Amino acid sequence: MDSNKKDSLHKTNNISADKNVDVQAQLLKELKEFVSKYPDYDTPFVRSDGDIIITLKKSVKKKRKTTQSLAEAVKFMMNETQAFRRK
């Protein structure tokens, strides 16, 4: 009798797993449609662990890094100028 319960539970889990795959596929399809409206993002994909990843395009990341580096350089120069004026 216990083995029947296990078999029944196992079959239920397979049906549930199939439904989850369908839901995940539908979610990914809808996300792709949504993200396609935003040109700064790459097409979403699913990693092997099930996480859905939406990344910025490399060119956008590079531009942000360049802007951040420039901002840090200006901040450094302004701090040095203030320190020099105090002397």
N, C-alpha and C. Protein backbone atom coordinates (compact mmCIF):
# COMPACT_ATOMS: atom_id res chain seq x y z
N MET A 1 0.82 -1.20 0.00
CA MET A 1 0.00 0.00 0.00
C MET A 1 0.87 1.26 0.00
N ASP A 2 1.94 1.23 0.76
CA ASP A 2 2.84 2.38 0.77
C ASP A 2 3.46 2.64 -0.60
N SER A 3 3.78 1.57 -1.33
CA SER A 3 4.39 1.74 -2.65
C SER A 3 3.40 2.41 -3.61
N ASN A 4 2.10 2.12 -3.47
CA ASN A 4 1.09 2.77 -4.31
C ASN A 4 1.05 4.27 -4.04
N LYS A 5 1.17 4.64 -2.78
CA LYS A 5 1.18 6.06 -2.44
C LYS A 5 2.38 6.75 -3.06
N LYS A 6 3.54 6.07 -3.00
CA LYS A 6 4.75 6.65 -3.57
C LYS A 6 4.59 6.81 -5.08
N ASP A 7 4.04 5.76 -5.74
CA ASP A 7 3.83 5.85 -7.18
C ASP A 7 2.87 6.97 -7.53
N SER A 8 1.82 7.08 -6.77
CA SER A 8 0.83 8.12 -7.01
C SER A 8 1.46 9.50 -6.83
N LEU A 9 2.26 9.65 -5.78
CA LEU A 9 2.92 10.94 -5.54
C LEU A 9 3.91 11.25 -6.65
N HIS A 10 4.64 10.21 -7.09
CA HIS A 10 5.62 10.39 -8.16
C HIS A 10 4.94 10.85 -9.44
N LYS A 11 3.82 10.25 -9.79
CA LYS A 11 3.08 10.64 -10.99
C LYS A 11 2.58 12.07 -10.86
N THR A 12 2.12 12.45 -9.69
CA THR A 12 1.65 13.81 -9.45
C THR A 12 2.80 14.80 -9.64
N ASN A 13 3.98 14.45 -9.14
CA ASN A 13 5.13 15.33 -9.28
C ASN A 13 5.52 15.49 -10.74
N ASN A 14 5.42 14.44 -11.54
CA ASN A 14 5.74 14.56 -12.96
C ASN A 14 4.77 15.49 -13.66
N ILE A 15 3.50 15.38 -13.35
CA ILE A 15 2.50 16.27 -13.94
C ILE A 15 2.79 17.70 -13.52
N SER A 16 3.10 17.89 -12.25
CA SER A 16 3.43 19.22 -11.74
C SER A 16 4.68 19.76 -12.41
N ALA A 17 5.69 18.91 -12.59
CA ALA A 17 6.93 19.33 -13.24
C ALA A 17 6.67 19.74 -14.68
N ASP A 18 5.83 18.98 -15.39
CA ASP A 18 5.49 19.32 -16.77
C ASP A 18 4.77 20.66 -16.83
N LYS A 19 3.89 20.89 -15.88
CA LYS A 19 3.17 22.16 -15.83
C LYS A 19 4.13 23.31 -15.56
N ASN A 20 5.10 23.09 -14.67
CA ASN A 20 6.09 24.12 -14.37
C ASN A 20 6.92 24.46 -15.60
N VAL A 21 7.26 23.46 -16.39
CA VAL A 21 8.02 23.69 -17.62
C VAL A 21 7.20 24.54 -18.58
N ASP A 22 5.92 24.23 -18.71
CA ASP A 22 5.04 25.00 -19.58
C ASP A 22 4.92 26.44 -19.09
N VAL A 23 4.78 26.61 -17.79
CA VAL A 23 4.66 27.96 -17.22
C VAL A 23 5.97 28.72 -17.44
N GLN A 24 7.09 28.06 -17.24
CA GLN A 24 8.38 28.71 -17.43
C GLN A 24 8.58 29.10 -18.90
N ALA A 25 8.20 28.24 -19.80
CA ALA A 25 8.31 28.54 -21.23
C ALA A 25 7.43 29.74 -21.59
N GLN A 26 6.23 29.79 -21.07
CA GLN A 26 5.33 30.91 -21.33
C GLN A 26 5.88 32.20 -20.74
N LEU A 27 6.41 32.11 -19.52
CA LEU A 27 7.00 33.28 -18.89
C LEU A 27 8.18 33.80 -19.71
N LEU A 28 9.04 32.91 -20.15
CA LEU A 28 10.20 33.31 -20.94
C LEU A 28 9.77 33.95 -22.25
N LYS A 29 8.74 33.39 -22.89
CA LYS A 29 8.22 33.96 -24.14
C LYS A 29 7.71 35.38 -23.91
N GLU A 30 6.95 35.58 -22.84
CA GLU A 30 6.42 36.91 -22.54
C GLU A 30 7.53 37.89 -22.17
N LEU A 31 8.53 37.41 -21.43
CA LEU A 31 9.65 38.27 -21.09
C LEU A 31 10.42 38.70 -22.34
N LYS A 32 10.62 37.78 -23.27
CA LYS A 32 11.32 38.12 -24.52
C LYS A 32 10.57 39.21 -25.28
N GLU A 33 9.26 39.08 -25.34
CA GLU A 33 8.45 40.10 -26.01
C GLU A 33 8.57 41.45 -25.31
N PHE A 34 8.53 41.43 -23.99
CA PHE A 34 8.61 42.66 -23.20
C PHE A 34 9.99 43.31 -23.34
N VAL A 35 11.04 42.51 -23.19
CA VAL A 35 12.40 43.05 -23.22
C VAL A 35 12.77 43.55 -24.62
N SER A 36 12.14 43.00 -25.65
CA SER A 36 12.44 43.44 -27.02
C SER A 36 12.11 44.92 -27.22
N LYS A 37 11.31 45.48 -26.36
CA LYS A 37 10.95 46.91 -26.44
C LYS A 37 12.07 47.81 -25.90
N TYR A 38 13.05 47.21 -25.22
CA TYR A 38 14.14 47.96 -24.60
C TYR A 38 15.46 47.54 -25.24
N PRO A 39 15.99 48.36 -26.14
CA PRO A 39 17.16 47.96 -26.93
C PRO A 39 18.46 47.81 -26.12
N ASP A 40 18.50 48.30 -24.91
CA ASP A 40 19.72 48.20 -24.11
C ASP A 40 19.90 46.83 -23.46
N TYR A 41 18.92 45.95 -23.60
CA TYR A 41 18.96 44.64 -22.94
C TYR A 41 19.04 43.51 -23.96
N ASP A 42 19.79 42.47 -23.60
CA ASP A 42 19.87 41.26 -24.42
C ASP A 42 18.64 40.40 -24.19
N THR A 43 18.44 39.43 -25.07
CA THR A 43 17.31 38.50 -24.95
C THR A 43 17.45 37.67 -23.68
N PRO A 44 16.39 37.56 -22.89
CA PRO A 44 16.44 36.74 -21.67
C PRO A 44 16.72 35.28 -21.99
N PHE A 45 17.35 34.60 -21.03
CA PHE A 45 17.59 33.17 -21.17
C PHE A 45 17.50 32.51 -19.81
N VAL A 46 17.36 31.18 -19.81
CA VAL A 46 17.24 30.41 -18.57
C VAL A 46 18.56 29.68 -18.33
N ARG A 47 19.13 29.87 -17.14
CA ARG A 47 20.33 29.13 -16.76
C ARG A 47 19.96 27.71 -16.37
N SER A 48 20.95 26.87 -16.23
CA SER A 48 20.71 25.47 -15.91
C SER A 48 20.05 25.29 -14.54
N ASP A 49 20.21 26.27 -13.64
CA ASP A 49 19.58 26.17 -12.32
C ASP A 49 18.16 26.71 -12.30
N GLY A 50 17.68 27.18 -13.45
CA GLY A 50 16.30 27.64 -13.56
C GLY A 50 16.13 29.14 -13.44
N ASP A 51 17.21 29.87 -13.13
CA ASP A 51 17.11 31.32 -13.03
C ASP A 51 16.97 31.93 -14.43
N ILE A 52 16.14 32.95 -14.53
CA ILE A 52 15.97 33.67 -15.79
C ILE A 52 16.87 34.91 -15.72
N ILE A 53 17.71 35.08 -16.73
CA ILE A 53 18.69 36.14 -16.75
C ILE A 53 18.36 37.14 -17.85
N ILE A 54 18.36 38.42 -17.49
CA ILE A 54 18.20 39.51 -18.46
C ILE A 54 19.41 40.42 -18.26
N THR A 55 20.28 40.47 -19.24
CA THR A 55 21.52 41.24 -19.09
C THR A 55 21.50 42.51 -19.93
N LEU A 56 22.28 43.49 -19.46
CA LEU A 56 22.51 44.68 -20.26
C LEU A 56 23.45 44.32 -21.40
N LYS A 57 23.32 45.00 -22.51
CA LYS A 57 24.23 44.77 -23.62
C LYS A 57 25.63 45.26 -23.23
N LYS A 58 26.63 44.61 -23.78
CA LYS A 58 28.02 44.92 -23.44
C LYS A 58 28.37 46.37 -23.71
N SER A 59 27.85 46.92 -24.80
CA SER A 59 28.16 48.31 -25.13
C SER A 59 27.63 49.27 -24.06
N VAL A 60 26.47 48.97 -23.50
CA VAL A 60 25.89 49.81 -22.45
C VAL A 60 26.72 49.70 -21.18
N LYS A 61 27.14 48.47 -20.85
CA LYS A 61 27.99 48.28 -19.67
C LYS A 61 29.30 49.03 -19.81
N LYS A 62 29.88 48.96 -21.00
CA LYS A 62 31.17 49.64 -21.25
C LYS A 62 30.99 51.15 -21.12
N LYS A 63 29.91 51.68 -21.66
CA LYS A 63 29.66 53.12 -21.59
C LYS A 63 29.46 53.54 -20.14
N ARG A 64 28.74 52.75 -19.36
CA ARG A 64 28.52 53.07 -17.94
C ARG A 64 29.84 53.05 -17.17
N LYS A 65 30.69 52.07 -17.49
CA LYS A 65 31.98 51.98 -16.81
C LYS A 65 32.85 53.18 -17.16
N THR A 66 32.84 53.58 -18.42
CA THR A 66 33.61 54.75 -18.85
C THR A 66 33.11 56.00 -18.14
N THR A 67 31.80 56.17 -18.07
CA THR A 67 31.22 57.32 -17.40
C THR A 67 31.58 57.32 -15.92
N GLN A 68 31.52 56.15 -15.29
CA GLN A 68 31.87 56.04 -13.87
C GLN A 68 33.34 56.38 -13.65
N SER A 69 34.21 55.92 -14.53
CA SER A 69 35.64 56.21 -14.41
C SER A 69 35.89 57.71 -14.55
N LEU A 70 35.22 58.34 -15.48
CA LEU A 70 35.36 59.78 -15.67
C LEU A 70 34.87 60.53 -14.43
N ALA A 71 33.77 60.13 -13.88
CA ALA A 71 33.23 60.77 -12.68
C ALA A 71 34.21 60.63 -11.51
N GLU A 72 34.80 59.45 -11.37
CA GLU A 72 35.77 59.24 -10.29
C GLU A 72 37.02 60.11 -10.48
N ALA A 73 37.46 60.26 -11.74
CA ALA A 73 38.63 61.09 -12.02
C ALA A 73 38.35 62.56 -11.68
N VAL A 74 37.20 63.04 -12.06
CA VAL A 74 36.83 64.43 -11.76
C VAL A 74 36.73 64.63 -10.25
N LYS A 75 36.13 63.69 -9.57
CA LYS A 75 36.00 63.77 -8.11
C LYS A 75 37.38 63.81 -7.46
N PHE A 76 38.29 62.97 -7.93
CA PHE A 76 39.64 62.94 -7.40
C PHE A 76 40.34 64.28 -7.60
N MET A 77 40.22 64.84 -8.82
CA MET A 77 40.86 66.13 -9.11
C MET A 77 40.27 67.23 -8.24
N MET A 78 38.97 67.22 -8.03
CA MET A 78 38.35 68.26 -7.21
C MET A 78 38.80 68.13 -5.76
N ASN A 79 38.92 66.92 -5.26
CA ASN A 79 39.40 66.71 -3.89
C ASN A 79 40.84 67.17 -3.75
N GLU A 80 41.67 66.92 -4.74
CA GLU A 80 43.07 67.35 -4.72
C GLU A 80 43.16 68.88 -4.76
N THR A 81 42.31 69.52 -5.55
CA THR A 81 42.30 70.98 -5.65
C THR A 81 41.91 71.60 -4.32
N GLN A 82 40.90 71.02 -3.66
CA GLN A 82 40.49 71.53 -2.36
C GLN A 82 41.60 71.37 -1.32
N ALA A 83 42.27 70.26 -1.35
CA ALA A 83 43.37 70.02 -0.41
C ALA A 83 44.51 71.00 -0.67
N PHE A 84 44.78 71.32 -1.94
CA PHE A 84 45.84 72.25 -2.30
C PHE A 84 45.48 73.66 -1.85
N ARG A 85 44.23 74.07 -1.98
CA ARG A 85 43.79 75.41 -1.59
C ARG A 85 43.85 75.60 -0.07
N ARG A 86 43.67 74.58 0.69
CA ARG A 86 43.69 74.66 2.15
C ARG A 86 45.10 74.90 2.69
N LYS A 87 46.10 74.52 1.93
CA LYS A 87 47.49 74.65 2.39
C LYS A 87 47.92 76.06 2.39
